[in-house]
Amino acid sequence: MSILAAPTLLVIDDDPAFNRVLVRALGQRGFVTHGASDAEAALELARSQTPEFIVLDLNLGGESGLRLIRPLLEASPDARILVLTGYASIATAVDAVKLGATQYLAKPADIDAIIKALRAEEVIIDDHAPDAPMSVDRLEWEHLQRVLAQHEGNISATARALKMHRRTLQRKLARPPAAE
């Protein structure tokens, strides 16, 4: 009888409290967990630990976590990457998957949802047309997210491209539209 090793998981989130809670909760669910709060530490852990699973926050200290997907996959080619974000949008979900993420999940997400997404064999995309058109707030949100993705998460560059004050853009990004 052989004993299988617990899967290794890397949590990358710049919020120390959330990172600690997620590392502990996933560790209690049978993963060997490691936490990183910035890109440099994340890449170092990805190289040394070669995690099977990675939970990556979309916003790392004001920078786009999407920029880390390719280097993480170079360091750990078989890793399954879940992008976890409080700023969910269709544009960033598509970009994340194109770059190599295997799943994309909006915060708040419970541990069961995170584990289910990490273990899912294919990306689950709701591809049916909505019954009602998007609200104006949702359309604006999607547009802001698309332009933000084009500028690799750089708030200042996005604000300039939109001809909008940086603080106004930050306020709009901090208030995602209500679920429809």
C-alpha atoms as a PDB file:
ATOM      1  CA  MET A   1       0.000   0.000   0.000  1.00  0.00           C
ATOM      2  CA  SER A   2       1.493   3.335  -1.074  1.00  0.00           C
ATOM      3  CA  ILE A   3       0.809   6.635   0.589  1.00  0.00           C
ATOM      4  CA  LEU A   4       0.242   9.500  -1.810  1.00  0.00           C
ATOM      5  CA  ALA A   5       1.878  12.809  -0.963  1.00  0.00           C
ATOM      6  CA  ALA A   6      -0.444  15.719  -0.267  1.00  0.00           C
ATOM      7  CA  PRO A   7      -0.674  18.153  -3.203  1.00  0.00           C
ATOM      8  CA  THR A   8       1.364  21.342  -2.893  1.00  0.00           C
ATOM      9  CA  LEU A   9      -0.475  24.649  -3.186  1.00  0.00           C
ATOM     10  CA  LEU A  10       0.819  28.227  -3.388  1.00  0.00           C
ATOM     11  CA  VAL A  11      -1.394  31.150  -2.338  1.00  0.00           C
ATOM     12  CA  ILE A  12      -0.359  34.536  -3.776  1.00  0.00           C
ATOM     13  CA  ASP A  13      -2.240  37.454  -2.249  1.00  0.00           C
ATOM     14  CA  ASP A  14      -0.939  40.805  -0.984  1.00  0.00           C
ATOM     15  CA  ASP A  15      -3.476  40.982   1.867  1.00  0.00           C
ATOM     16  CA  PRO A  16      -1.545  39.334   4.742  1.00  0.00           C
ATOM     17  CA  ALA A  17      -4.643  38.422   6.763  1.00  0.00           C
ATOM     18  CA  PHE A  18      -6.487  36.888   3.795  1.00  0.00           C
ATOM     19  CA  ASN A  19      -3.321  35.082   2.685  1.00  0.00           C
ATOM     20  CA  ARG A  20      -2.794  33.603   6.155  1.00  0.00           C
ATOM     21  CA  VAL A  21      -6.436  32.502   6.493  1.00  0.00           C
ATOM     22  CA  LEU A  22      -6.485  30.899   3.035  1.00  0.00           C
ATOM     23  CA  VAL A  23      -3.146  29.117   3.590  1.00  0.00           C
ATOM     24  CA  ARG A  24      -4.371  27.747   6.921  1.00  0.00           C
ATOM     25  CA  ALA A  25      -7.827  26.703   5.629  1.00  0.00           C
ATOM     26  CA  LEU A  26      -6.415  24.935   2.564  1.00  0.00           C
ATOM     27  CA  GLY A  27      -3.763  23.295   4.746  1.00  0.00           C
ATOM     28  CA  GLN A  28      -6.548  21.884   6.906  1.00  0.00           C
ATOM     29  CA  ARG A  29      -8.111  20.452   3.747  1.00  0.00           C
ATOM     30  CA  GLY A  30      -5.090  18.306   2.939  1.00  0.00           C
ATOM     31  CA  PHE A  31      -2.820  20.578   0.913  1.00  0.00           C
ATOM     32  CA  VAL A  32       0.805  21.362   1.701  1.00  0.00           C
ATOM     33  CA  THR A  33       0.468  25.132   1.558  1.00  0.00           C
ATOM     34  CA  HIS A  34       2.818  28.054   1.056  1.00  0.00           C
ATOM     35  CA  GLY A  35       1.940  31.748   0.979  1.00  0.00           C
ATOM     36  CA  ALA A  36       3.520  34.665  -0.865  1.00  0.00           C
ATOM     37  CA  SER A  37       2.507  38.306  -0.800  1.00  0.00           C
ATOM     38  CA  ASP A  38       4.483  39.620  -3.769  1.00  0.00           C
ATOM     39  CA  ALA A  39       5.676  38.540  -7.207  1.00  0.00           C
ATOM     40  CA  GLU A  40       9.307  37.922  -6.222  1.00  0.00           C
ATOM     41  CA  ALA A  41       8.453  35.651  -3.279  1.00  0.00           C
ATOM     42  CA  ALA A  42       5.807  33.864  -5.372  1.00  0.00           C
ATOM     43  CA  LEU A  43       8.249  33.054  -8.185  1.00  0.00           C
ATOM     44  CA  GLU A  44      10.890  31.888  -5.708  1.00  0.00           C
ATOM     45  CA  LEU A  45       8.390  29.529  -4.049  1.00  0.00           C
ATOM     46  CA  ALA A  46       7.103  28.326  -7.427  1.00  0.00           C
ATOM     47  CA  ARG A  47      10.665  27.377  -8.413  1.00  0.00           C
ATOM     48  CA  SER A  48      11.586  25.726  -5.116  1.00  0.00           C
ATOM     49  CA  GLN A  49       8.277  23.989  -4.300  1.00  0.00           C
ATOM     50  CA  THR A  50       6.843  23.324  -7.808  1.00  0.00           C
ATOM     51  CA  PRO A  51       3.249  23.557  -6.597  1.00  0.00           C
ATOM     52  CA  GLU A  52       0.525  21.541  -8.268  1.00  0.00           C
ATOM     53  CA  PHE A  53      -1.995  24.293  -7.545  1.00  0.00           C
ATOM     54  CA  ILE A  54      -1.700  28.084  -7.369  1.00  0.00           C
ATOM     55  CA  VAL A  55      -4.296  30.568  -6.116  1.00  0.00           C
ATOM     56  CA  LEU A  56      -3.361  33.971  -7.560  1.00  0.00           C
ATOM     57  CA  ASP A  57      -4.962  37.295  -6.626  1.00  0.00           C
ATOM     58  CA  LEU A  58      -5.698  39.503  -9.629  1.00  0.00           C
ATOM     59  CA  ASN A  59      -4.560  42.674  -7.865  1.00  0.00           C
ATOM     60  CA  LEU A  60      -1.137  42.450  -6.208  1.00  0.00           C
ATOM     61  CA  GLY A  61      -0.163  45.745  -4.645  1.00  0.00           C
ATOM     62  CA  GLY A  62      -1.756  47.750  -7.438  1.00  0.00           C
ATOM     63  CA  GLU A  63      -0.218  45.604 -10.193  1.00  0.00           C
ATOM     64  CA  SER A  64      -1.999  42.992 -12.277  1.00  0.00           C
ATOM     65  CA  GLY A  65      -1.533  39.428 -11.082  1.00  0.00           C
ATOM     66  CA  LEU A  66      -2.090  38.341 -14.693  1.00  0.00           C
ATOM     67  CA  ARG A  67       1.515  39.335 -15.415  1.00  0.00           C
ATOM     68  CA  LEU A  68       2.635  36.505 -13.116  1.00  0.00           C
ATOM     69  CA  ILE A  69       0.817  33.671 -14.894  1.00  0.00           C
ATOM     70  CA  ARG A  70       3.445  32.951 -17.561  1.00  0.00           C
ATOM     71  CA  PRO A  71       6.473  33.146 -15.207  1.00  0.00           C
ATOM     72  CA  LEU A  72       4.649  30.917 -12.705  1.00  0.00           C
ATOM     73  CA  LEU A  73       3.976  28.352 -15.422  1.00  0.00           C
ATOM     74  CA  GLU A  74       7.614  28.515 -16.528  1.00  0.00           C
ATOM     75  CA  ALA A  75       8.679  27.799 -12.936  1.00  0.00           C
ATOM     76  CA  SER A  76       6.020  25.126 -12.381  1.00  0.00           C
ATOM     77  CA  PRO A  77       4.723  23.953 -15.796  1.00  0.00           C
ATOM     78  CA  ASP A  78       2.108  21.499 -14.506  1.00  0.00           C
ATOM     79  CA  ALA A  79       0.534  23.899 -12.009  1.00  0.00           C
ATOM     80  CA  ARG A  80      -3.190  24.575 -12.191  1.00  0.00           C
ATOM     81  CA  ILE A  81      -3.707  28.303 -11.606  1.00  0.00           C
ATOM     82  CA  LEU A  82      -6.886  29.782 -10.134  1.00  0.00           C
ATOM     83  CA  VAL A  83      -7.183  33.553 -10.446  1.00  0.00           C
ATOM     84  CA  LEU A  84      -9.147  34.802  -7.453  1.00  0.00           C
ATOM     85  CA  THR A  85     -10.378  38.383  -7.565  1.00  0.00           C
ATOM     86  CA  GLY A  86     -12.605  40.947  -5.985  1.00  0.00           C
ATOM     87  CA  TYR A  87     -12.676  42.728  -9.352  1.00  0.00           C
ATOM     88  CA  ALA A  88     -14.264  40.070 -11.548  1.00  0.00           C
ATOM     89  CA  SER A  89     -14.983  40.928 -15.165  1.00  0.00           C
ATOM     90  CA  ILE A  90     -15.417  39.087 -18.428  1.00  0.00           C
ATOM     91  CA  ALA A  91     -12.328  40.788 -19.908  1.00  0.00           C
ATOM     92  CA  THR A  92      -9.976  39.722 -17.122  1.00  0.00           C
ATOM     93  CA  ALA A  93     -11.447  36.212 -17.024  1.00  0.00           C
ATOM     94  CA  VAL A  94     -10.775  35.762 -20.739  1.00  0.00           C
ATOM     95  CA  ASP A  95      -7.268  37.227 -20.398  1.00  0.00           C
ATOM     96  CA  ALA A  96      -6.468  34.963 -17.442  1.00  0.00           C
ATOM     97  CA  VAL A  97      -7.486  31.818 -19.326  1.00  0.00           C
ATOM     98  CA  LYS A  98      -5.641  32.912 -22.490  1.00  0.00           C
ATOM     99  CA  LEU A  99      -2.481  33.371 -20.421  1.00  0.00           C
ATOM    100  CA  GLY A 100      -2.737  29.870 -18.965  1.00  0.00           C
ATOM    101  CA  ALA A 101      -4.900  30.083 -15.836  1.00  0.00           C
ATOM    102  CA  THR A 102      -7.196  27.092 -15.505  1.00  0.00           C
ATOM    103  CA  GLN A 103      -9.933  28.837 -13.506  1.00  0.00           C
ATOM    104  CA  TYR A 104     -11.191  32.278 -12.531  1.00  0.00           C
ATOM    105  CA  LEU A 105     -13.271  32.895  -9.428  1.00  0.00           C
ATOM    106  CA  ALA A 106     -14.745  36.057  -7.888  1.00  0.00           C
ATOM    107  CA  LYS A 107     -14.316  36.918  -4.215  1.00  0.00           C
ATOM    108  CA  PRO A 108     -15.848  36.268  -1.833  1.00  0.00           C
ATOM    109  CA  ALA A 109     -15.432  32.555  -2.466  1.00  0.00           C
ATOM    110  CA  ASP A 110     -15.605  29.887   0.194  1.00  0.00           C
ATOM    111  CA  ILE A 111     -13.000  27.150   0.585  1.00  0.00           C
ATOM    112  CA  ASP A 112     -15.243  24.515  -1.021  1.00  0.00           C
ATOM    113  CA  ALA A 113     -15.696  26.686  -4.143  1.00  0.00           C
ATOM    114  CA  ILE A 114     -11.939  27.296  -4.351  1.00  0.00           C
ATOM    115  CA  ILE A 115     -11.127  23.576  -4.044  1.00  0.00           C
ATOM    116  CA  LYS A 116     -13.815  22.669  -6.589  1.00  0.00           C
ATOM    117  CA  ALA A 117     -12.428  25.231  -9.057  1.00  0.00           C
ATOM    118  CA  LEU A 118      -8.845  24.027  -8.526  1.00  0.00           C
ATOM    119  CA  ARG A 119      -9.802  20.422  -9.203  1.00  0.00           C
ATOM    120  CA  ALA A 120     -12.177  21.100 -12.133  1.00  0.00           C
ATOM    121  CA  GLU A 121     -10.909  19.539 -15.337  1.00  0.00           C
ATOM    122  CA  GLU A 122     -12.193  22.281 -17.614  1.00  0.00           C
ATOM    123  CA  VAL A 123     -12.947  25.954 -17.336  1.00  0.00           C
ATOM    124  CA  ILE A 124     -16.607  26.491 -16.623  1.00  0.00           C
ATOM    125  CA  ILE A 125     -17.934  29.346 -18.714  1.00  0.00           C
ATOM    126  CA  ASP A 126     -21.566  30.347 -18.790  1.00  0.00           C
ATOM    127  CA  ASP A 127     -21.916  30.901 -22.527  1.00  0.00           C
ATOM    128  CA  HIS A 128     -25.658  31.333 -22.925  1.00  0.00           C
ATOM    129  CA  ALA A 129     -26.987  34.761 -23.834  1.00  0.00           C
ATOM    130  CA  PRO A 130     -28.517  36.657 -20.936  1.00  0.00           C
ATOM    131  CA  ASP A 131     -32.276  37.101 -20.889  1.00  0.00           C
ATOM    132  CA  ALA A 132     -31.923  40.827 -20.278  1.00  0.00           C
ATOM    133  CA  PRO A 133     -29.241  43.245 -21.487  1.00  0.00           C
ATOM    134  CA  MET A 134     -26.516  44.348 -19.073  1.00  0.00           C
ATOM    135  CA  SER A 135     -27.178  47.407 -16.943  1.00  0.00           C
ATOM    136  CA  VAL A 136     -25.365  50.633 -17.761  1.00  0.00           C
ATOM    137  CA  ASP A 137     -23.302  50.194 -14.573  1.00  0.00           C
ATOM    138  CA  ARG A 138     -22.275  46.680 -15.644  1.00  0.00           C
ATOM    139  CA  LEU A 139     -21.397  47.846 -19.184  1.00  0.00           C
ATOM    140  CA  GLU A 140     -19.235  50.628 -17.733  1.00  0.00           C
ATOM    141  CA  TRP A 141     -17.572  48.143 -15.345  1.00  0.00           C
ATOM    142  CA  GLU A 142     -16.782  45.732 -18.191  1.00  0.00           C
ATOM    143  CA  HIS A 143     -15.340  48.571 -20.290  1.00  0.00           C
ATOM    144  CA  LEU A 144     -13.160  49.784 -17.394  1.00  0.00           C
ATOM    145  CA  GLN A 145     -11.921  46.225 -16.837  1.00  0.00           C
ATOM    146  CA  ARG A 146     -11.132  45.756 -20.532  1.00  0.00           C
ATOM    147  CA  VAL A 147      -9.095  49.004 -20.668  1.00  0.00           C
ATOM    148  CA  LEU A 148      -7.407  48.136 -17.357  1.00  0.00           C
ATOM    149  CA  ALA A 149      -6.402  44.730 -18.781  1.00  0.00           C
ATOM    150  CA  GLN A 150      -5.023  46.414 -21.921  1.00  0.00           C
ATOM    151  CA  HIS A 151      -2.793  48.502 -19.660  1.00  0.00           C
ATOM    152  CA  GLU A 152      -1.669  45.467 -17.614  1.00  0.00           C
ATOM    153  CA  GLY A 153      -3.433  46.629 -14.452  1.00  0.00           C
ATOM    154  CA  ASN A 154      -1.742  50.041 -14.404  1.00  0.00           C
ATOM    155  CA  ILE A 155      -4.321  52.425 -12.904  1.00  0.00           C
ATOM    156  CA  SER A 156      -2.550  55.629 -14.003  1.00  0.00           C
ATOM    157  CA  ALA A 157      -2.170  54.508 -17.629  1.00  0.00           C
ATOM    158  CA  THR A 158      -5.786  53.324 -17.686  1.00  0.00           C
ATOM    159  CA  ALA A 159      -7.026  56.658 -16.305  1.00  0.00           C
ATOM    160  CA  ARG A 160      -5.051  58.535 -18.967  1.00  0.00           C
ATOM    161  CA  ALA A 161      -6.453  56.289 -21.727  1.00  0.00           C
ATOM    162  CA  LEU A 162      -9.991  56.872 -20.465  1.00  0.00           C
ATOM    163  CA  LYS A 163      -9.341  60.607 -19.993  1.00  0.00           C
ATOM    164  CA  MET A 164     -10.466  60.201 -16.410  1.00  0.00           C
ATOM    165  CA  HIS A 165      -8.997  61.360 -13.119  1.00  0.00           C
ATOM    166  CA  ARG A 166      -7.052  58.541 -11.446  1.00  0.00           C
ATOM    167  CA  ARG A 167      -9.021  58.798  -8.177  1.00  0.00           C
ATOM    168  CA  THR A 168     -12.326  58.698 -10.056  1.00  0.00           C
ATOM    169  CA  LEU A 169     -11.220  55.495 -11.763  1.00  0.00           C
ATOM    170  CA  GLN A 170     -10.129  54.001  -8.427  1.00  0.00           C
ATOM    171  CA  ARG A 171     -13.535  54.849  -6.920  1.00  0.00           C
ATOM    172  CA  LYS A 172     -15.349  53.213  -9.836  1.00  0.00           C
ATOM    173  CA  LEU A 173     -13.148  50.105  -9.621  1.00  0.00           C
ATOM    174  CA  ALA A 174     -13.733  49.842  -5.877  1.00  0.00           C
ATOM    175  CA  ARG A 175     -17.508  49.571  -6.429  1.00  0.00           C
ATOM    176  CA  PRO A 176     -18.333  46.611  -8.682  1.00  0.00           C
ATOM    177  CA  PRO A 177     -21.910  46.723 -10.015  1.00  0.00           C
ATOM    178  CA  ALA A 178     -24.555  44.769  -8.147  1.00  0.00           C
ATOM    179  CA  ALA A 179     -25.168  41.230  -9.354  1.00  0.00           C
ATOM    180  CA  GLU A 180     -27.858  41.176 -11.988  1.00  0.00           C
END
